[in-house]
Amino acid sequence: MPKMKSNRSLRHRFRRTATGKIMRAHANRRHLLSHRSHKRKRQLRRPDVVAPGQARAIERLLPR
């Protein structure tokens, strides 16, 4: 049986923590940042955990 292939674009967008959760980057951090507050921009830097409903779909595309 051939190896299972992972979705390569998702490999760049998501990463898995040591406990198995899937982390993602925040949206709205690419451009038009001048009107956003320093606090908002600072908070957008940090990664966030993917919602459980979407995590199941992503795990199907990212086998271990």
PDB file of N, CA and C in Angstrom:
ATOM      1  N   MET A   1       0.846  -1.188   0.000  1.00  0.00           N
ATOM      2  CA  MET A   1       0.000   0.000   0.000  1.00  0.00           C
ATOM      3  C   MET A   1       0.882   1.239   0.000  1.00  0.00           C
ATOM      4  N   PRO A   2       0.573   2.240  -0.846  1.00  0.00           N
ATOM      5  CA  PRO A   2       1.425   3.434  -0.896  1.00  0.00           C
ATOM      6  C   PRO A   2       1.287   4.283   0.362  1.00  0.00           C
ATOM      7  N   LYS A   3       2.274   5.135   0.551  1.00  0.00           N
ATOM      8  CA  LYS A   3       2.245   6.052   1.695  1.00  0.00           C
ATOM      9  C   LYS A   3       1.097   7.039   1.563  1.00  0.00           C
ATOM     10  N   MET A   4       0.612   7.516   2.697  1.00  0.00           N
ATOM     11  CA  MET A   4      -0.426   8.531   2.703  1.00  0.00           C
ATOM     12  C   MET A   4       0.220   9.888   2.478  1.00  0.00           C
ATOM     13  N   LYS A   5      -0.342  10.682   1.605  1.00  0.00           N
ATOM     14  CA  LYS A   5       0.239  11.998   1.330  1.00  0.00           C
ATOM     15  C   LYS A   5      -0.467  13.061   2.150  1.00  0.00           C
ATOM     16  N   SER A   6       0.325  13.988   2.709  1.00  0.00           N
ATOM     17  CA  SER A   6      -0.275  15.107   3.425  1.00  0.00           C
ATOM     18  C   SER A   6      -0.478  16.263   2.454  1.00  0.00           C
ATOM     19  N   ASN A   7      -1.398  17.139   2.791  1.00  0.00           N
ATOM     20  CA  ASN A   7      -1.629  18.328   1.975  1.00  0.00           C
ATOM     21  C   ASN A   7      -0.499  19.311   2.261  1.00  0.00           C
ATOM     22  N   ARG A   8       0.346  19.579   1.280  1.00  0.00           N
ATOM     23  CA  ARG A   8       1.571  20.337   1.514  1.00  0.00           C
ATOM     24  C   ARG A   8       1.305  21.798   1.853  1.00  0.00           C
ATOM     25  N   SER A   9       0.241  22.370   1.323  1.00  0.00           N
ATOM     26  CA  SER A   9      -0.028  23.768   1.651  1.00  0.00           C
ATOM     27  C   SER A   9      -0.449  23.911   3.112  1.00  0.00           C
ATOM     28  N   LEU A  10      -1.154  22.912   3.635  1.00  0.00           N
ATOM     29  CA  LEU A  10      -1.543  22.968   5.044  1.00  0.00           C
ATOM     30  C   LEU A  10      -0.352  22.748   5.970  1.00  0.00           C
ATOM     31  N   ARG A  11       0.646  22.030   5.501  1.00  0.00           N
ATOM     32  CA  ARG A  11       1.845  21.825   6.318  1.00  0.00           C
ATOM     33  C   ARG A  11       2.519  23.163   6.621  1.00  0.00           C
ATOM     34  N   HIS A  12       2.401  24.119   5.714  1.00  0.00           N
ATOM     35  CA  HIS A  12       3.014  25.437   5.930  1.00  0.00           C
ATOM     36  C   HIS A  12       2.136  26.329   6.812  1.00  0.00           C
ATOM     37  N   ARG A  13       0.835  26.122   6.791  1.00  0.00           N
ATOM     38  CA  ARG A  13      -0.077  27.013   7.505  1.00  0.00           C
ATOM     39  C   ARG A  13      -0.338  26.611   8.949  1.00  0.00           C
ATOM     40  N   PHE A  14      -0.201  25.334   9.257  1.00  0.00           N
ATOM     41  CA  PHE A  14      -0.533  24.835  10.592  1.00  0.00           C
ATOM     42  C   PHE A  14       0.635  24.075  11.170  1.00  0.00           C
ATOM     43  N   ARG A  15       0.697  24.068  12.512  1.00  0.00           N
ATOM     44  CA  ARG A  15       1.686  23.216  13.166  1.00  0.00           C
ATOM     45  C   ARG A  15       1.035  22.594  14.382  1.00  0.00           C
ATOM     46  N   ARG A  16       1.574  21.458  14.790  1.00  0.00           N
ATOM     47  CA  ARG A  16       1.004  20.701  15.887  1.00  0.00           C
ATOM     48  C   ARG A  16       1.808  20.940  17.156  1.00  0.00           C
ATOM     49  N   THR A  17       1.128  21.058  18.282  1.00  0.00           N
ATOM     50  CA  THR A  17       1.818  21.226  19.554  1.00  0.00           C
ATOM     51  C   THR A  17       2.208  19.844  20.085  1.00  0.00           C
ATOM     52  N   ALA A  18       2.952  19.831  21.184  1.00  0.00           N
ATOM     53  CA  ALA A  18       3.375  18.561  21.780  1.00  0.00           C
ATOM     54  C   ALA A  18       2.184  17.765  22.300  1.00  0.00           C
ATOM     55  N   THR A  19       1.103  18.460  22.673  1.00  0.00           N
ATOM     56  CA  THR A  19      -0.078  17.756  23.185  1.00  0.00           C
ATOM     57  C   THR A  19      -1.039  17.357  22.073  1.00  0.00           C
ATOM     58  N   GLY A  20      -0.745  17.722  20.817  1.00  0.00           N
ATOM     59  CA  GLY A  20      -1.565  17.300  19.691  1.00  0.00           C
ATOM     60  C   GLY A  20      -2.533  18.342  19.172  1.00  0.00           C
ATOM     61  N   LYS A  21      -2.573  19.524  19.792  1.00  0.00           N
ATOM     62  CA  LYS A  21      -3.448  20.578  19.282  1.00  0.00           C
ATOM     63  C   LYS A  21      -2.848  21.162  18.008  1.00  0.00           C
ATOM     64  N   ILE A  22      -3.685  21.787  17.198  1.00  0.00           N
ATOM     65  CA  ILE A  22      -3.225  22.388  15.948  1.00  0.00           C
ATOM     66  C   ILE A  22      -3.248  23.900  16.108  1.00  0.00           C
ATOM     67  N   MET A  23      -2.123  24.538  15.787  1.00  0.00           N
ATOM     68  CA  MET A  23      -1.989  25.982  15.926  1.00  0.00           C
ATOM     69  C   MET A  23      -2.063  26.628  14.544  1.00  0.00           C
ATOM     70  N   ARG A  24      -2.579  27.869  14.528  1.00  0.00           N
ATOM     71  CA  ARG A  24      -2.702  28.620  13.285  1.00  0.00           C
ATOM     72  C   ARG A  24      -2.271  30.051  13.524  1.00  0.00           C
ATOM     73  N   ALA A  25      -1.990  30.759  12.447  1.00  0.00           N
ATOM     74  CA  ALA A  25      -1.673  32.188  12.539  1.00  0.00           C
ATOM     75  C   ALA A  25      -2.961  32.985  12.449  1.00  0.00           C
ATOM     76  N   HIS A  26      -2.944  34.218  12.946  1.00  0.00           N
ATOM     77  CA  HIS A  26      -4.109  35.087  12.869  1.00  0.00           C
ATOM     78  C   HIS A  26      -4.210  35.740  11.500  1.00  0.00           C
ATOM     79  N   ALA A  27      -5.411  36.055  11.103  1.00  0.00           N
ATOM     80  CA  ALA A  27      -5.651  36.810   9.874  1.00  0.00           C
ATOM     81  C   ALA A  27      -5.524  38.301  10.169  1.00  0.00           C
ATOM     82  N   ASN A  28      -5.631  39.139   9.153  1.00  0.00           N
ATOM     83  CA  ASN A  28      -5.636  40.607   9.253  1.00  0.00           C
ATOM     84  C   ASN A  28      -4.308  41.184   9.725  1.00  0.00           C
ATOM     85  N   ARG A  29      -3.223  40.604   9.304  1.00  0.00           N
ATOM     86  CA  ARG A  29      -1.917  41.109   9.729  1.00  0.00           C
ATOM     87  C   ARG A  29      -1.020  41.386   8.521  1.00  0.00           C
ATOM     88  N   ARG A  30      -1.556  41.461   7.327  1.00  0.00           N
ATOM     89  CA  ARG A  30      -0.746  41.607   6.120  1.00  0.00           C
ATOM     90  C   ARG A  30      -0.553  43.057   5.694  1.00  0.00           C
ATOM     91  N   HIS A  31      -1.609  43.819   5.694  1.00  0.00           N
ATOM     92  CA  HIS A  31      -1.518  45.196   5.203  1.00  0.00           C
ATOM     93  C   HIS A  31      -2.588  46.021   5.882  1.00  0.00           C
ATOM     94  N   LEU A  32      -2.598  47.334   5.614  1.00  0.00           N
ATOM     95  CA  LEU A  32      -3.521  48.288   6.237  1.00  0.00           C
ATOM     96  C   LEU A  32      -3.404  48.251   7.759  1.00  0.00           C
ATOM     97  N   LEU A  33      -2.169  48.220   8.245  1.00  0.00           N
ATOM     98  CA  LEU A  33      -1.941  48.104   9.681  1.00  0.00           C
ATOM     99  C   LEU A  33      -1.859  49.457  10.376  1.00  0.00           C
ATOM    100  N   SER A  34      -1.819  50.537   9.611  1.00  0.00           N
ATOM    101  CA  SER A  34      -1.594  51.841  10.235  1.00  0.00           C
ATOM    102  C   SER A  34      -2.763  52.284  11.109  1.00  0.00           C
ATOM    103  N   HIS A  35      -3.968  51.847  10.794  1.00  0.00           N
ATOM    104  CA  HIS A  35      -5.106  52.280  11.608  1.00  0.00           C
ATOM    105  C   HIS A  35      -5.406  51.325  12.760  1.00  0.00           C
ATOM    106  N   ARG A  36      -4.694  50.222  12.854  1.00  0.00           N
ATOM    107  CA  ARG A  36      -4.920  49.296  13.956  1.00  0.00           C
ATOM    108  C   ARG A  36      -4.094  49.709  15.167  1.00  0.00           C
ATOM    109  N   SER A  37      -4.598  49.432  16.338  1.00  0.00           N
ATOM    110  CA  SER A  37      -3.884  49.820  17.554  1.00  0.00           C
ATOM    111  C   SER A  37      -2.662  48.928  17.752  1.00  0.00           C
ATOM    112  N   HIS A  38      -1.705  49.426  18.521  1.00  0.00           N
ATOM    113  CA  HIS A  38      -0.496  48.650  18.819  1.00  0.00           C
ATOM    114  C   HIS A  38      -0.873  47.374  19.556  1.00  0.00           C
ATOM    115  N   LYS A  39      -1.859  47.458  20.428  1.00  0.00           N
ATOM    116  CA  LYS A  39      -2.296  46.283  21.181  1.00  0.00           C
ATOM    117  C   LYS A  39      -2.839  45.207  20.241  1.00  0.00           C
ATOM    118  N   ARG A  40      -3.662  45.620  19.273  1.00  0.00           N
ATOM    119  CA  ARG A  40      -4.250  44.656  18.345  1.00  0.00           C
ATOM    120  C   ARG A  40      -3.174  43.995  17.502  1.00  0.00           C
ATOM    121  N   LYS A  41      -2.229  44.774  17.003  1.00  0.00           N
ATOM    122  CA  LYS A  41      -1.164  44.211  16.177  1.00  0.00           C
ATOM    123  C   LYS A  41      -0.290  43.259  16.979  1.00  0.00           C
ATOM    124  N   ARG A  42      -0.061  43.596  18.224  1.00  0.00           N
ATOM    125  CA  ARG A  42       0.746  42.740  19.095  1.00  0.00           C
ATOM    126  C   ARG A  42       0.034  41.406  19.350  1.00  0.00           C
ATOM    127  N   GLN A  43      -1.278  41.467  19.541  1.00  0.00           N
ATOM    128  CA  GLN A  43      -2.023  40.237  19.796  1.00  0.00           C
ATOM    129  C   GLN A  43      -2.126  39.355  18.550  1.00  0.00           C
ATOM    130  N   LEU A  44      -2.109  39.970  17.378  1.00  0.00           N
ATOM    131  CA  LEU A  44      -2.188  39.191  16.143  1.00  0.00           C
ATOM    132  C   LEU A  44      -0.899  38.431  15.857  1.00  0.00           C
ATOM    133  N   ARG A  45       0.202  38.805  16.498  1.00  0.00           N
ATOM    134  CA  ARG A  45       1.463  38.091  16.295  1.00  0.00           C
ATOM    135  C   ARG A  45       1.415  36.672  16.838  1.00  0.00           C
ATOM    136  N   ARG A  46       0.712  36.489  17.944  1.00  0.00           N
ATOM    137  CA  ARG A  46       0.730  35.213  18.644  1.00  0.00           C
ATOM    138  C   ARG A  46      -0.124  34.185  17.914  1.00  0.00           C
ATOM    139  N   PRO A  47       0.302  32.930  17.860  1.00  0.00           N
ATOM    140  CA  PRO A  47      -0.527  31.909  17.226  1.00  0.00           C
ATOM    141  C   PRO A  47      -1.743  31.583  18.083  1.00  0.00           C
ATOM    142  N   ASP A  48      -2.718  30.937  17.474  1.00  0.00           N
ATOM    143  CA  ASP A  48      -3.955  30.607  18.163  1.00  0.00           C
ATOM    144  C   ASP A  48      -4.278  29.142  17.890  1.00  0.00           C
ATOM    145  N   VAL A  49      -5.063  28.540  18.765  1.00  0.00           N
ATOM    146  CA  VAL A  49      -5.465  27.147  18.599  1.00  0.00           C
ATOM    147  C   VAL A  49      -6.647  27.083  17.643  1.00  0.00           C
ATOM    148  N   VAL A  50      -6.627  26.097  16.758  1.00  0.00           N
ATOM    149  CA  VAL A  50      -7.720  25.905  15.805  1.00  0.00           C
ATOM    150  C   VAL A  50      -8.943  25.389  16.551  1.00  0.00           C
ATOM    151  N   ALA A  51     -10.124  25.831  16.144  1.00  0.00           N
ATOM    152  CA  ALA A  51     -11.377  25.392  16.757  1.00  0.00           C
ATOM    153  C   ALA A  51     -11.548  23.884  16.579  1.00  0.00           C
ATOM    154  N   PRO A  52     -12.150  23.204  17.559  1.00  0.00           N
ATOM    155  CA  PRO A  52     -12.249  21.744  17.494  1.00  0.00           C
ATOM    156  C   PRO A  52     -12.953  21.219  16.250  1.00  0.00           C
ATOM    157  N   GLY A  53     -13.983  21.923  15.787  1.00  0.00           N
ATOM    158  CA  GLY A  53     -14.693  21.461  14.598  1.00  0.00           C
ATOM    159  C   GLY A  53     -13.823  21.479  13.357  1.00  0.00           C
ATOM    160  N   GLN A  54     -12.997  22.501  13.243  1.00  0.00           N
ATOM    161  CA  GLN A  54     -12.113  22.589  12.078  1.00  0.00           C
ATOM    162  C   GLN A  54     -10.871  21.737  12.258  1.00  0.00           C
ATOM    163  N   ALA A  55     -10.496  21.476  13.500  1.00  0.00           N
ATOM    164  CA  ALA A  55      -9.301  20.670  13.753  1.00  0.00           C
ATOM    165  C   ALA A  55      -9.466  19.266  13.193  1.00  0.00           C
ATOM    166  N   ARG A  56     -10.682  18.718  13.279  1.00  0.00           N
ATOM    167  CA  ARG A  56     -10.908  17.361  12.746  1.00  0.00           C
ATOM    168  C   ARG A  56     -10.692  17.331  11.242  1.00  0.00           C
ATOM    169  N   ALA A  57     -11.143  18.347  10.538  1.00  0.00           N
ATOM    170  CA  ALA A  57     -10.975  18.388   9.078  1.00  0.00           C
ATOM    171  C   ALA A  57      -9.503  18.546   8.719  1.00  0.00           C
ATOM    172  N   ILE A  58      -8.777  19.357   9.479  1.00  0.00           N
ATOM    173  CA  ILE A  58      -7.363  19.578   9.192  1.00  0.00           C
ATOM    174  C   ILE A  58      -6.556  18.323   9.486  1.00  0.00           C
ATOM    175  N   GLU A  59      -6.921  17.600  10.536  1.00  0.00           N
ATOM    176  CA  GLU A  59      -6.182  16.369  10.872  1.00  0.00           C
ATOM    177  C   GLU A  59      -6.301  15.329   9.779  1.00  0.00           C
ATOM    178  N   ARG A  60      -7.415  15.307   9.072  1.00  0.00           N
ATOM    179  CA  ARG A  60      -7.548  14.356   7.963  1.00  0.00           C
ATOM    180  C   ARG A  60      -6.569  14.670   6.845  1.00  0.00           C
ATOM    181  N   LEU A  61      -6.268  15.961   6.679  1.00  0.00           N
ATOM    182  CA  LEU A  61      -5.357  16.363   5.609  1.00  0.00           C
ATOM    183  C   LEU A  61      -3.898  16.354   6.052  1.00  0.00           C
ATOM    184  N   LEU A  62      -3.656  16.243   7.358  1.00  0.00           N
ATOM    185  CA  LEU A  62      -2.297  16.244   7.890  1.00  0.00           C
ATOM    186  C   LEU A  62      -2.052  14.965   8.700  1.00  0.00           C
ATOM    187  N   PRO A  63      -1.891  13.828   8.048  1.00  0.00           N
ATOM    188  CA  PRO A  63      -1.629  12.619   8.821  1.00  0.00           C
ATOM    189  C   PRO A  63      -0.262  12.701   9.470  1.00  0.00           C
ATOM    190  N   ARG A  64      -0.117  12.014  10.588  1.00  0.00           N
ATOM    191  CA  ARG A  64       1.180  12.053  11.295  1.00  0.00           C
ATOM    192  C   ARG A  64       2.229  11.286  10.577  1.00  0.00           C
TER     193      ARG A  64
END
